[in-house]
């Protein structure tokens, strides 16, 4: 082969390689195409691998002398947004404990009631995480970026059990906050709380991790479940920062700020954040299914240190772990052989000392996933594998219900994690029996005659068996109870 042919060969091989690389990039860069987009974390990693910047590489963040928060603040602030939620009338926030100590900035007396908070951009194509209580019951949500650009946002899904919500704006090439690892956080580690409250563009405060796995009993869904395993910090967090970012000194997201310990509504010492290990899973579920795929072990539990427990004599020396007070019928725990009185001390190799730790680890899974459980039974350590199930005692995917329409009204399932209210909400009302009866949009039906209305399915069943006069009882978003009697 002559020198000329050799050079031409290298030239054409380079062109061919470049074409293949570009084609491959175009294929996987479309959302849903390729494994890179199976989750928000894959999306972030793919973007960062193609557009490397020293500011996004964790191992490049070195503090040469003393503490330096500038690096993390510069990375994160462009990815934290301001959120304005509007309501047609006074919202359920009047009953929401979050409204009292982690403000919404809005009041029910306004002509157009509003609440405000913060959010964190998760992907360059406009997905944003915030708290459920920031957007709960809102009929309009507006996003303001750090550069003051405004967008209307769509609520993709909410999860009262963790107080998280996923929003979407129609935008591209947005700055996002890279995921960190909340499991590796150490007590005493420095963190920053970054918010975007009240159109102040951004606020950054610093503190340390005070504790992990905190349960402060502020969350509850309609079925009485909660998942609280908060990161506790002393970084200053005030009203309007709800839904903002908690990050490490590398500028990596390790939590979503959710609550403060306060009796005044202002910061008085501690704040709490949902760990990013849980945030990632909830956000991926909401994007893909519209509903969180909640995995359940199938046991009732309590702390081992609870003095009310009557431990077996062989287990009385155990000072940490989670005690099983009951095993649910047809649950994964029952199938695997866990028993009342067993003490869970590990899940998938991670040591379990408290109820919040167990809840957090299980919540990172989906129904059908298998977890290795280490436990004590009469002083002897044992291990078994549990297949997690959903609330329906199976491993099927739970998808967001399609709105139900009947007699001029549109209905959807309603549950409030803050007030434990459950029923069916009328989201739209036109000409028909419901409007003729005087019922207004937003009314939440809780009972019909002597029958509880828990969801749209039960509403259908009740009405299918009714003929003649019915009494519909419920509550409006402002907390006002009412009832209506009319012929069906």
Protein backbone atom coordinates (compact mmCIF):
# COMPACT_ATOMS: atom_id res chain seq x y z
CA UNK A 1 0.00 0.00 0.00
CA UNK A 2 1.39 3.39 -1.03
CA UNK A 3 1.65 6.38 1.26
CA UNK A 4 -1.19 8.11 -0.61
CA UNK A 5 -3.55 5.13 -0.16
CA UNK A 6 -2.64 4.86 3.54
CA UNK A 7 -3.46 8.52 4.23
CA UNK A 8 -6.76 8.28 2.29
CA UNK A 9 -7.69 5.17 4.27
CA UNK A 10 -7.16 6.92 7.59
CA UNK A 11 -9.13 9.94 6.35
CA UNK A 12 -12.20 7.93 5.29
CA UNK A 13 -12.09 5.80 8.46
CA UNK A 14 -12.16 8.99 10.54
CA UNK A 15 -15.19 10.29 8.63
CA UNK A 16 -17.00 6.96 9.03
CA UNK A 17 -16.26 6.82 12.76
CA UNK A 18 -17.52 10.35 13.27
CA UNK A 19 -20.73 9.60 11.38
CA UNK A 20 -21.39 6.54 13.52
CA UNK A 21 -20.75 8.51 16.71
CA UNK A 22 -23.13 11.30 15.64
CA UNK A 23 -25.83 8.79 14.65
CA UNK A 24 -25.46 7.00 17.96
CA UNK A 25 -25.69 10.23 19.91
CA UNK A 26 -28.83 11.32 18.02
CA UNK A 27 -30.45 7.95 18.76
CA UNK A 28 -29.85 7.89 22.50
CA UNK A 29 -30.36 11.62 23.03
CA UNK A 30 -34.07 11.29 22.27
CA UNK A 31 -36.02 10.75 25.52
CA UNK A 32 -37.05 7.13 25.83
CA UNK A 33 -34.46 5.93 23.30
CA UNK A 34 -31.88 3.60 24.78
CA UNK A 35 -31.02 2.66 28.32
CA UNK A 36 -29.55 6.09 28.99
CA UNK A 37 -33.08 7.41 29.54
CA UNK A 38 -34.51 4.71 31.77
CA UNK A 39 -34.25 7.13 34.69
CA UNK A 40 -33.44 10.75 35.47
CA UNK A 41 -30.07 9.64 36.80
CA UNK A 42 -29.20 7.99 33.46
CA UNK A 43 -30.25 11.15 31.64
CA UNK A 44 -27.97 13.26 33.81
CA UNK A 45 -25.00 10.92 33.48
CA UNK A 46 -25.38 10.79 29.70
CA UNK A 47 -25.53 14.58 29.37
CA UNK A 48 -22.57 15.07 31.67
CA UNK A 49 -20.48 12.44 29.87
CA UNK A 50 -20.95 14.27 26.56
CA UNK A 51 -20.52 17.79 27.87
CA UNK A 52 -17.84 17.41 30.51
CA UNK A 53 -17.02 20.39 32.62
CA UNK A 54 -14.64 20.50 35.54
CA UNK A 55 -17.45 22.03 37.59
CA UNK A 56 -19.54 18.84 37.26
CA UNK A 57 -16.89 16.32 38.27
CA UNK A 58 -17.02 15.43 41.95
CA UNK A 59 -13.35 14.58 42.25
CA UNK A 60 -12.37 18.03 40.94
CA UNK A 61 -14.03 19.83 43.85
CA UNK A 62 -11.13 20.41 46.22
CA UNK A 63 -11.16 23.06 48.95
CA UNK A 64 -7.55 24.25 49.16
CA UNK A 65 -7.78 26.42 52.27
CA UNK A 66 -10.59 26.26 54.79
CA UNK A 67 -14.23 26.14 53.74
CA UNK A 68 -15.29 27.45 50.36
CA UNK A 69 -18.97 27.42 49.36
CA UNK A 70 -18.55 29.41 46.14
CA UNK A 71 -17.98 26.38 43.93
CA UNK A 72 -21.17 24.58 44.94
CA UNK A 73 -23.27 27.76 44.93
CA UNK A 74 -22.21 28.67 41.38
CA UNK A 75 -23.10 25.20 40.10
CA UNK A 76 -26.46 24.84 41.82
CA UNK A 77 -28.20 28.24 41.76
CA UNK A 78 -29.00 28.18 37.99
CA UNK A 79 -30.84 24.87 38.51
CA UNK A 80 -33.12 26.04 41.35
CA UNK A 81 -36.39 27.72 40.31
CA UNK A 82 -39.14 29.80 41.87
CA UNK A 83 -42.65 28.28 41.84
CA UNK A 84 -45.95 30.17 41.98
CA UNK A 85 -49.12 28.11 42.45
CA UNK A 86 -52.55 29.67 41.88
CA UNK A 87 -55.95 28.43 43.05
CA UNK A 88 -59.53 29.15 42.00
CA UNK A 89 -60.50 29.51 45.64
CA UNK A 90 -58.96 29.06 49.08
CA UNK A 91 -57.12 25.78 48.94
CA UNK A 92 -56.67 22.80 51.22
CA UNK A 93 -53.51 24.53 52.45
CA UNK A 94 -55.62 26.04 55.19
CA UNK A 95 -55.64 22.54 56.70
CA UNK A 96 -52.07 21.70 55.77
CA UNK A 97 -49.57 21.65 58.65
CA UNK A 98 -46.81 22.60 56.20
CA UNK A 99 -48.57 25.92 55.60
CA UNK A 100 -48.07 26.81 59.25
CA UNK A 101 -44.35 26.16 59.55
CA UNK A 102 -42.96 26.08 56.03
CA UNK A 103 -44.90 28.81 54.33
CA UNK A 104 -46.62 29.14 51.05
CA UNK A 105 -46.43 32.91 50.95
CA UNK A 106 -50.08 33.08 49.96
CA UNK A 107 -53.37 33.71 51.74
CA UNK A 108 -56.90 32.52 51.23
CA UNK A 109 -58.22 36.10 51.28
CA UNK A 110 -56.61 37.04 47.97
CA UNK A 111 -58.79 37.43 44.86
CA UNK A 112 -56.62 34.73 43.28
CA UNK A 113 -55.10 32.73 46.15
CA UNK A 114 -51.45 31.90 45.56
CA UNK A 115 -48.65 29.98 47.21
CA UNK A 116 -44.95 30.01 46.44
CA UNK A 117 -42.00 27.72 46.86
CA UNK A 118 -38.87 26.46 45.14
CA UNK A 119 -38.05 23.61 42.80
CA UNK A 120 -35.00 21.82 41.40
CA UNK A 121 -34.42 21.11 37.71
CA UNK A 122 -33.65 17.40 37.17
CA UNK A 123 -33.17 17.26 33.41
CA UNK A 124 -32.26 19.59 30.58
CA UNK A 125 -35.66 19.03 28.93
CA UNK A 126 -37.65 20.60 31.75
CA UNK A 127 -38.51 18.11 34.50
CA UNK A 128 -38.58 19.73 37.95
CA UNK A 129 -38.97 18.29 41.45
CA UNK A 130 -40.67 20.19 44.27
CA UNK A 131 -42.77 19.44 47.34
CA UNK A 132 -46.30 18.17 46.98
CA UNK A 133 -47.54 20.81 49.41
CA UNK A 134 -46.19 23.58 47.16
CA UNK A 135 -48.48 22.59 44.25
CA UNK A 136 -51.22 20.58 45.97
CA UNK A 137 -54.69 21.45 44.54
CA UNK A 138 -53.26 24.21 42.30
CA UNK A 139 -55.02 24.85 39.01
CA UNK A 140 -52.08 26.86 37.61
CA UNK A 141 -48.36 26.49 38.29
CA UNK A 142 -45.79 28.98 36.97
CA UNK A 143 -42.02 28.49 37.02
CA UNK A 144 -39.48 31.32 37.11
CA UNK A 145 -35.91 30.38 36.23
CA UNK A 146 -32.83 31.92 37.80
CA UNK A 147 -32.51 34.11 34.69
CA UNK A 148 -36.13 35.33 35.18
CA UNK A 149 -37.60 33.39 32.25
CA UNK A 150 -41.13 32.22 33.01
CA UNK A 151 -42.91 29.02 32.00
CA UNK A 152 -46.26 27.41 32.71
CA UNK A 153 -45.71 23.99 34.27
CA UNK A 154 -47.74 20.79 34.06
CA UNK A 155 -48.08 18.63 37.18
CA UNK A 156 -46.95 15.18 36.05
CA UNK A 157 -47.66 13.49 39.37
CA UNK A 158 -47.61 13.90 43.13
CA UNK A 159 -46.82 11.67 46.10
CA UNK A 160 -48.24 12.83 49.47
CA UNK A 161 -46.51 9.92 51.22
CA UNK A 162 -43.10 11.55 50.63
CA UNK A 163 -44.37 15.11 49.99
CA UNK A 164 -42.83 15.16 46.51
CA UNK A 165 -44.18 16.29 43.14
CA UNK A 166 -42.89 16.20 39.55
CA UNK A 167 -43.47 19.14 37.19
CA UNK A 168 -42.69 19.62 33.48
CA UNK A 169 -42.08 22.79 31.48
CA UNK A 170 -41.75 23.01 27.71
CA UNK A 171 -38.08 23.98 27.46
CA UNK A 172 -34.74 22.53 26.38
CA UNK A 173 -31.10 22.91 27.41
CA UNK A 174 -31.93 23.91 30.97
CA UNK A 175 -29.25 23.75 33.68
CA UNK A 176 -29.92 20.85 36.06
CA UNK A 177 -28.57 19.84 39.45
CA UNK A 178 -26.55 16.64 39.41
CA UNK A 179 -27.58 13.81 41.72
CA UNK A 180 -25.34 12.98 44.65
CA UNK A 181 -25.45 10.06 47.08
CA UNK A 182 -27.39 10.70 50.27
CA UNK A 183 -26.54 7.23 51.60
CA UNK A 184 -22.89 8.29 51.94
CA UNK A 185 -23.66 11.46 53.93
CA UNK A 186 -21.84 11.74 57.23
CA UNK A 187 -23.06 13.43 60.40
CA UNK A 188 -21.19 16.73 60.63
CA UNK A 189 -20.68 17.06 56.86
CA UNK A 190 -21.11 20.57 55.43
CA UNK A 191 -24.15 21.15 53.19
CA UNK A 192 -25.82 24.08 51.43
CA UNK A 193 -29.55 24.83 51.25
CA UNK A 194 -30.40 26.56 47.96
CA UNK A 195 -33.84 28.07 47.36
CA UNK A 196 -35.55 30.58 45.10
CA UNK A 197 -38.19 32.24 47.31
CA UNK A 198 -40.46 35.22 46.71
CA UNK A 199 -38.71 36.18 43.45
CA UNK A 200 -35.44 36.88 45.26
CA UNK A 201 -33.66 34.97 42.45
CA UNK A 202 -31.78 32.66 44.83
CA UNK A 203 -30.73 32.18 48.42
CA UNK A 204 -27.85 30.06 49.67
CA UNK A 205 -27.26 29.12 53.30
CA UNK A 206 -24.76 26.73 54.86
CA UNK A 207 -24.88 24.27 57.72
CA UNK A 208 -23.99 20.73 58.68
CA UNK A 209 -25.81 17.41 58.65
CA UNK A 210 -27.19 17.12 62.17
CA UNK A 211 -28.83 13.71 61.84
CA UNK A 212 -30.12 11.18 59.33
CA UNK A 213 -33.25 9.07 59.31
CA UNK A 214 -35.37 11.58 61.21
CA UNK A 215 -39.12 10.93 61.61
CA UNK A 216 -41.05 14.06 62.65
CA UNK A 217 -44.59 12.74 62.01
CA UNK A 218 -45.81 15.34 59.52
CA UNK A 219 -46.59 13.08 56.55
CA UNK A 220 -49.47 10.65 56.12
CA UNK A 221 -51.40 9.44 53.09
CA UNK A 222 -55.07 8.51 52.99
CA UNK A 223 -54.23 4.95 54.03
CA UNK A 224 -52.29 6.12 57.08
CA UNK A 225 -48.87 5.37 55.54
CA UNK A 226 -45.88 7.66 55.74
CA UNK A 227 -42.27 7.52 54.63
CA UNK A 228 -40.15 9.85 56.74
CA UNK A 229 -36.42 9.41 56.83
CA UNK A 230 -35.37 13.04 56.69
CA UNK A 231 -31.89 14.49 56.57
CA UNK A 232 -31.75 17.00 59.44
CA UNK A 233 -29.50 20.05 59.05
CA UNK A 234 -28.96 23.40 60.72
CA UNK A 235 -28.75 25.26 57.39
CA UNK A 236 -31.12 28.23 57.54
CA UNK A 237 -34.32 27.50 55.60
CA UNK A 238 -37.27 29.89 55.59
CA UNK A 239 -40.70 30.14 53.91
CA UNK A 240 -40.48 29.94 50.14
CA UNK A 241 -37.50 27.57 50.23
CA UNK A 242 -39.76 24.52 50.37
CA UNK A 243 -38.87 22.25 47.45
CA UNK A 244 -35.37 23.72 47.11
CA UNK A 245 -32.07 21.86 46.97
CA UNK A 246 -29.88 20.51 49.72
CA UNK A 247 -26.43 19.92 48.20
CA UNK A 248 -22.95 18.88 49.27
CA UNK A 249 -19.80 20.93 48.65
CA UNK A 250 -19.45 19.32 45.21
CA UNK A 251 -22.76 20.93 44.21
CA UNK A 252 -24.51 17.55 44.08
CA UNK A 253 -28.14 17.15 45.08
CA UNK A 254 -28.49 15.13 48.27
CA UNK A 255 -32.00 16.15 49.34
CA UNK A 256 -35.13 18.24 48.75
CA UNK A 257 -35.82 20.71 51.56
CA UNK A 258 -39.27 19.98 52.96
CA UNK A 259 -39.85 21.25 56.49
CA UNK A 260 -38.48 23.23 59.39
CA UNK A 261 -38.86 22.70 63.13
CA UNK A 262 -40.69 25.86 64.13
CA UNK A 263 -43.66 27.15 66.10
CA UNK A 264 -43.56 30.57 64.44
CA UNK A 265 -43.37 29.75 60.72
CA UNK A 266 -39.78 30.99 60.57
CA UNK A 267 -36.53 29.11 60.91
CA UNK A 268 -35.53 28.47 64.53
CA UNK A 269 -32.78 25.89 64.37
CA UNK A 270 -33.35 22.80 62.24
CA UNK A 271 -34.58 21.94 58.77
CA UNK A 272 -35.42 18.63 57.14
CA UNK A 273 -34.91 17.28 53.62
CA UNK A 274 -36.10 14.19 51.74
CA UNK A 275 -32.94 12.18 50.84
CA UNK A 276 -32.13 12.06 47.13
CA UNK A 277 -31.96 8.26 47.20
CA UNK A 278 -35.74 8.34 47.64
CA UNK A 279 -36.30 11.38 45.42
CA UNK A 280 -34.78 9.65 42.38
CA UNK A 281 -37.06 6.63 42.66
CA UNK A 282 -40.24 8.65 43.22
CA UNK A 283 -39.49 10.99 40.30
CA UNK A 284 -38.78 8.13 37.89
CA UNK A 285 -42.05 6.45 38.90
CA UNK A 286 -44.11 9.62 38.44
CA UNK A 287 -42.59 10.27 35.02
CA UNK A 288 -43.09 6.72 33.76
CA UNK A 289 -46.37 5.70 35.40
CA UNK A 290 -47.99 8.86 36.82
CA UNK A 291 -48.15 7.03 40.17
CA UNK A 292 -45.49 5.89 42.62
CA UNK A 293 -44.95 2.12 42.58
CA UNK A 294 -44.99 1.66 46.33
CA UNK A 295 -43.29 -1.52 47.50
CA UNK A 296 -44.39 -2.95 50.83
CA UNK A 297 -42.67 -5.48 53.05
CA UNK A 298 -46.02 -6.31 54.62
CA UNK A 299 -45.31 -5.89 58.33
CA UNK A 300 -46.29 -3.59 61.18
CA UNK A 301 -43.18 -2.38 62.94
CA UNK A 302 -41.86 -0.54 66.00
CA UNK A 303 -38.50 0.50 67.39
CA UNK A 304 -36.82 -2.19 69.49
CA UNK A 305 -36.28 0.39 72.24
CA UNK A 306 -40.07 0.90 72.57
CA UNK A 307 -40.73 0.06 76.25
CA UNK A 308 -44.18 -1.30 75.40
CA UNK A 309 -42.68 -4.26 73.52
CA UNK A 310 -42.34 -7.60 75.22
CA UNK A 311 -39.15 -9.00 73.73
CA UNK A 312 -38.14 -12.62 73.96
CA UNK A 313 -35.55 -13.14 76.67
CA UNK A 314 -32.97 -14.05 74.03
CA UNK A 315 -33.49 -10.71 72.22
CA UNK A 316 -33.53 -8.36 75.22
CA UNK A 317 -29.86 -7.48 74.76
CA UNK A 318 -30.57 -6.09 71.28
CA UNK A 319 -30.68 -2.29 71.53
CA UNK A 320 -31.28 -1.42 67.88
CA UNK A 321 -33.34 -2.78 65.03
CA UNK A 322 -36.97 -2.90 63.99
CA UNK A 323 -39.43 -5.15 65.83
CA UNK A 324 -42.21 -6.85 63.84
CA UNK A 325 -45.47 -6.38 65.75
CA UNK A 326 -47.64 -8.04 63.08
CA UNK A 327 -47.31 -9.72 59.68
CA UNK A 328 -49.90 -8.90 57.00
CA UNK A 329 -51.91 -11.64 55.37
CA UNK A 330 -50.87 -12.48 51.78
CA UNK A 331 -47.86 -10.18 52.11
CA UNK A 332 -44.32 -10.70 50.90
CA UNK A 333 -43.21 -11.03 54.53
CA UNK A 334 -45.74 -13.79 55.21
CA UNK A 335 -44.80 -15.62 52.00
CA UNK A 336 -41.11 -15.51 52.96
CA UNK A 337 -41.68 -16.68 56.54
CA UNK A 338 -41.15 -13.60 58.71
CA UNK A 339 -42.98 -13.79 62.04
CA UNK A 340 -44.30 -11.49 64.73
CA UNK A 341 -41.48 -10.92 67.22
CA UNK A 342 -38.67 -11.05 64.66
CA UNK A 343 -36.22 -8.14 64.84
CA UNK A 344 -35.04 -6.81 61.46
CA UNK A 345 -31.42 -5.69 61.67
CA UNK A 346 -30.45 -5.46 57.98
CA UNK A 347 -31.79 -5.02 54.44
CA UNK A 348 -29.64 -5.87 51.41
CA UNK A 349 -26.52 -5.75 53.56
CA UNK A 350 -27.31 -2.34 55.10
CA UNK A 351 -27.61 -2.20 58.87
CA UNK A 352 -31.10 -1.26 60.09
CA UNK A 353 -31.33 0.48 63.45
CA UNK A 354 -34.58 2.47 63.20
CA UNK A 355 -38.01 2.43 61.57
CA UNK A 356 -37.22 5.40 59.24
CA UNK A 357 -34.12 3.60 57.93
CA UNK A 358 -36.18 0.53 57.09
CA UNK A 359 -38.91 2.60 55.43
CA UNK A 360 -36.41 4.52 53.30
CA UNK A 361 -34.62 1.41 52.01
CA UNK A 362 -37.83 -0.47 51.21
CA UNK A 363 -39.29 2.63 49.51
CA UNK A 364 -36.36 2.70 47.07
CA UNK A 365 -37.72 -0.54 45.56
CA UNK A 366 -40.71 -1.43 43.42
CA UNK A 367 -43.25 -4.24 43.77
CA UNK A 368 -41.67 -7.43 42.47
CA UNK A 369 -38.19 -6.52 43.69
CA UNK A 370 -36.52 -8.94 46.07
CA UNK A 371 -34.74 -7.81 49.23
CA UNK A 372 -32.46 -9.77 51.55
CA UNK A 373 -33.63 -9.42 55.15
CA UNK A 374 -31.34 -10.05 58.13
CA UNK A 375 -33.25 -10.60 61.37
CA UNK A 376 -33.04 -12.01 64.87
CA UNK A 377 -35.36 -14.74 66.10
CA UNK A 378 -34.96 -15.79 69.71
CA UNK A 379 -31.42 -14.49 69.75
CA UNK A 380 -30.30 -16.28 66.57
CA UNK A 381 -29.46 -14.33 63.42
CA UNK A 382 -31.26 -15.50 60.29
CA UNK A 383 -31.60 -14.38 56.68
CA UNK A 384 -34.28 -14.76 54.05
CA UNK A 385 -35.40 -13.14 50.80
CA UNK A 386 -38.70 -11.25 50.56
CA UNK A 387 -40.48 -10.40 47.30
CA UNK A 388 -42.08 -6.99 47.84
CA UNK A 389 -45.72 -6.44 46.89
CA UNK A 390 -47.98 -3.41 46.39
CA UNK A 391 -50.99 -2.41 48.47
CA UNK A 392 -53.14 -4.79 46.42
CA UNK A 393 -50.93 -7.73 47.47
CA UNK A 394 -49.51 -8.28 43.99
CA UNK A 395 -46.61 -7.06 41.89
CA UNK A 396 -48.55 -5.42 39.04
CA UNK A 397 -47.86 -1.87 37.87
CA UNK A 398 -50.26 0.72 39.30
CA UNK A 399 -51.06 3.45 36.78
CA UNK A 400 -52.72 6.81 37.20
CA UNK A 401 -56.49 6.52 36.94
CA UNK A 402 -58.25 8.06 33.94
CA UNK A 403 -60.76 10.76 35.02
CA UNK A 404 -64.35 9.50 35.21
CA UNK A 405 -67.24 11.52 33.71
CA UNK A 406 -70.90 11.20 34.66
CA UNK A 407 -73.95 13.46 34.31
CA UNK A 408 -71.95 16.55 33.31
CA UNK A 409 -69.24 16.21 35.97
CA UNK A 410 -65.66 14.90 35.91
CA UNK A 411 -64.32 12.98 38.90
CA UNK A 412 -60.86 11.93 40.07
CA UNK A 413 -59.44 10.16 43.10
CA UNK A 414 -58.35 12.49 45.88
CA UNK A 415 -56.09 11.93 48.86
CA UNK A 416 -54.27 14.51 50.94
CA UNK A 417 -51.14 13.42 52.76
CA UNK A 418 -51.40 16.35 55.15
CA UNK A 419 -55.05 16.08 56.25
CA UNK A 420 -55.57 12.33 55.71
CA UNK A 421 -58.68 13.22 53.69
CA UNK A 422 -59.73 10.68 51.08
CA UNK A 423 -62.55 10.75 48.56
CA UNK A 424 -63.47 11.74 45.01
CA UNK A 425 -62.98 15.30 43.76
CA UNK A 426 -65.15 16.98 41.11
CA UNK A 427 -62.60 18.60 38.80
CA UNK A 428 -65.03 19.95 36.22
CA UNK A 429 -68.79 20.47 36.25
CA UNK A 430 -71.13 21.32 33.37
CA UNK A 431 -74.88 21.02 32.77
CA UNK A 432 -76.32 18.05 34.65
CA UNK A 433 -77.65 16.74 37.95
CA UNK A 434 -74.55 17.70 39.95
CA UNK A 435 -74.64 21.33 38.84
CA UNK A 436 -78.43 21.50 39.28
CA UNK A 437 -77.97 20.34 42.88
CA UNK A 438 -75.73 23.35 43.53
CA UNK A 439 -72.43 21.48 43.84
CA UNK A 440 -69.38 23.51 42.81
CA UNK A 441 -66.13 22.48 41.15
CA UNK A 442 -63.53 21.32 43.69
CA UNK A 443 -66.04 19.61 46.00
CA UNK A 444 -64.66 16.38 47.47
CA UNK A 445 -67.27 13.64 47.91
CA UNK A 446 -66.63 11.52 51.00
CA UNK A 447 -70.02 9.81 51.49
CA UNK A 448 -73.22 9.04 49.60
CA UNK A 449 -76.02 8.18 52.03
CA UNK A 450 -74.42 5.73 54.47
CA UNK A 451 -71.67 4.60 52.08
CA UNK A 452 -68.06 5.82 52.24
CA UNK A 453 -66.67 7.08 48.93
CA UNK A 454 -62.96 6.25 48.95
CA UNK A 455 -62.23 6.42 45.21
CA UNK A 456 -63.79 6.63 41.76
CA UNK A 457 -64.35 2.87 41.70
CA UNK A 458 -66.43 2.96 44.87
CA UNK A 459 -68.33 6.02 43.55
CA UNK A 460 -69.32 4.08 40.41
CA UNK A 461 -70.42 1.06 42.45
CA UNK A 462 -72.54 3.12 44.83
CA UNK A 463 -74.28 5.15 42.10
CA UNK A 464 -74.97 2.06 39.98
CA UNK A 465 -76.99 0.66 42.88
CA UNK A 466 -78.86 3.88 43.67
CA UNK A 467 -82.24 5.01 42.41
CA UNK A 468 -84.29 7.87 43.77
CA UNK A 469 -83.20 10.49 46.24
CA UNK A 470 -79.56 10.49 47.43
CA UNK A 471 -77.62 12.56 49.95
CA UNK A 472 -74.06 13.49 48.93
CA UNK A 473 -71.71 14.60 51.72
CA UNK A 474 -68.25 16.09 51.42
CA UNK A 475 -65.91 19.01 51.88
CA UNK A 476 -64.71 21.99 49.85
CA UNK A 477 -60.98 22.86 49.48
CA UNK A 478 -61.38 25.69 52.03
CA UNK A 479 -62.39 23.15 54.67
CA UNK A 480 -66.12 23.92 54.57
CA UNK A 481 -68.30 20.83 54.90
CA UNK A 482 -71.56 20.57 52.96
CA UNK A 483 -74.20 18.12 51.78
CA UNK A 484 -76.63 17.98 48.85
CA UNK A 485 -79.84 16.02 48.38
CA UNK A 486 -81.21 15.36 44.90
CA UNK A 487 -82.95 12.71 42.78
CA UNK A 488 -80.66 10.26 41.00
